[in-house]
Amino acid sequence: MPLKTTPLLLLVAAAMTLAACEKKTTDAQADAVRNTSDAAAADIDNKADTVENKGEANADAMREGADAVRDRGETKADAIEAGTVGATTKTDQLTTTTQPTEPK
């Protein structure tokens, strides 16, 4: 079940642009991670709804996968904000990279 990357990339670019105006880089990057993982999880949830409507049995497993995507995104975003991991985010105009500020 491949994810459609174009809408996700547009979402990330828009989130980064808005977030960069008022937030420090790590907060903007963390928000981008959250937005991307939420969008991916929502896509999985929508596919699970379609599967469920067709009477197929694996919709619950798909929803658990969506929850796992959200959880991993939140964990990564929290680590970026805490400075324990670095991140690189890209828009059509710039690339921003942060390094960890605390050891793992």
Protein backbone atom coordinates (compact mmCIF):
# COMPACT_ATOMS: atom_id res chain seq x y z
CA MET A 1 0.00 0.00 0.00
CA PRO A 2 2.17 2.84 -1.29
CA LEU A 3 1.60 6.29 0.10
CA LYS A 4 1.03 9.17 -2.23
CA THR A 5 4.09 11.33 -1.63
CA THR A 6 3.15 14.49 -3.53
CA PRO A 7 0.37 15.59 -1.12
CA LEU A 8 2.58 14.73 1.83
CA LEU A 9 5.49 16.74 0.46
CA LEU A 10 3.22 19.71 -0.19
CA LEU A 11 1.88 19.42 3.34
CA VAL A 12 5.40 19.34 4.76
CA ALA A 13 6.49 22.30 2.65
CA ALA A 14 3.46 24.34 3.72
CA ALA A 15 3.91 23.41 7.36
CA MET A 16 7.59 24.29 7.27
CA THR A 17 6.91 27.63 5.63
CA LEU A 18 4.30 28.62 8.19
CA ALA A 19 6.14 27.16 11.14
CA ALA A 20 9.46 28.75 10.24
CA CYS A 21 7.95 32.23 10.53
CA GLU A 22 7.45 32.07 14.27
CA LYS A 23 9.22 29.04 15.69
CA LYS A 24 12.77 27.96 16.15
CA THR A 25 14.09 25.44 13.65
CA THR A 26 13.75 22.35 15.83
CA ASP A 27 10.11 23.16 16.63
CA ALA A 28 9.34 23.67 12.95
CA GLN A 29 11.05 20.41 12.03
CA ALA A 30 9.20 18.54 14.79
CA ASP A 31 5.91 19.95 13.55
CA ALA A 32 6.75 18.85 10.02
CA VAL A 33 7.43 15.31 11.26
CA ARG A 34 4.14 15.29 13.16
CA ASN A 35 2.20 16.61 10.16
CA THR A 36 3.76 14.11 7.79
CA SER A 37 3.16 11.12 10.06
CA ASP A 38 -0.41 12.26 10.78
CA ALA A 39 -1.11 12.58 7.04
CA ALA A 40 0.36 9.14 6.35
CA ALA A 41 -1.65 7.61 9.21
CA ALA A 42 -4.84 9.30 7.98
CA ASP A 43 -4.22 7.80 4.55
CA ILE A 44 -3.85 4.34 6.12
CA ASP A 45 -7.03 4.90 8.15
CA ASN A 46 -8.93 5.85 4.99
CA LYS A 47 -7.72 2.70 3.27
CA ALA A 48 -8.76 0.68 6.34
CA ASP A 49 -12.24 2.17 6.08
CA THR A 50 -12.42 1.11 2.43
CA VAL A 51 -11.24 -2.40 3.32
CA GLU A 52 -13.77 -2.62 6.13
CA ASN A 53 -16.58 -1.45 3.86
CA LYS A 54 -15.70 -4.24 1.46
CA GLY A 55 -16.05 -6.74 4.30
CA GLU A 56 -12.39 -7.66 4.46
CA ALA A 57 -10.98 -8.65 7.83
CA ASN A 58 -7.63 -6.84 8.00
CA ALA A 59 -8.97 -3.30 8.62
CA ASP A 60 -8.17 -3.48 12.34
CA ALA A 61 -4.57 -4.44 11.61
CA MET A 62 -4.33 -1.51 9.20
CA ARG A 63 -5.63 0.85 11.89
CA GLU A 64 -3.05 -0.50 14.33
CA GLY A 65 -0.42 0.24 11.69
CA ALA A 66 -1.75 3.79 11.37
CA ASP A 67 -1.51 4.22 15.14
CA ALA A 68 2.07 2.95 15.04
CA VAL A 69 2.94 5.49 12.32
CA ARG A 70 1.50 8.29 14.47
CA ASP A 71 3.37 7.05 17.55
CA ARG A 72 6.71 6.84 15.70
CA GLY A 73 6.18 10.33 14.30
CA GLU A 74 5.40 11.75 17.72
CA THR A 75 8.43 10.01 19.26
CA LYS A 76 10.71 11.37 16.53
CA ALA A 77 9.22 14.87 16.87
CA ASP A 78 9.70 14.82 20.64
CA ALA A 79 13.33 13.73 20.18
CA ILE A 80 13.93 16.57 17.69
CA GLU A 81 12.50 19.11 20.14
CA ALA A 82 14.55 17.64 22.98
CA GLY A 83 17.71 17.84 20.91
CA THR A 84 18.49 14.12 21.15
CA VAL A 85 18.29 13.56 17.37
CA GLY A 86 18.98 15.77 14.42
CA ALA A 87 16.76 16.28 11.42
CA THR A 88 16.91 17.50 7.86
CA THR A 89 13.89 19.09 6.25
CA LYS A 90 13.62 20.35 2.70
CA THR A 91 11.39 22.80 0.92
CA ASP A 92 11.65 23.97 -2.64
CA GLN A 93 13.72 26.92 -1.44
CA LEU A 94 15.99 25.63 1.32
CA THR A 95 17.27 22.67 3.27
CA THR A 96 17.53 22.91 7.04
CA THR A 97 19.61 20.49 9.10
CA THR A 98 19.92 20.41 12.87
CA GLN A 99 22.33 18.29 14.85
CA PRO A 100 21.57 16.67 18.20
CA THR A 101 22.36 18.94 21.11
CA GLU A 102 22.32 16.17 23.70
CA PRO A 103 23.95 12.75 23.55
CA LYS A 104 21.61 9.80 22.90
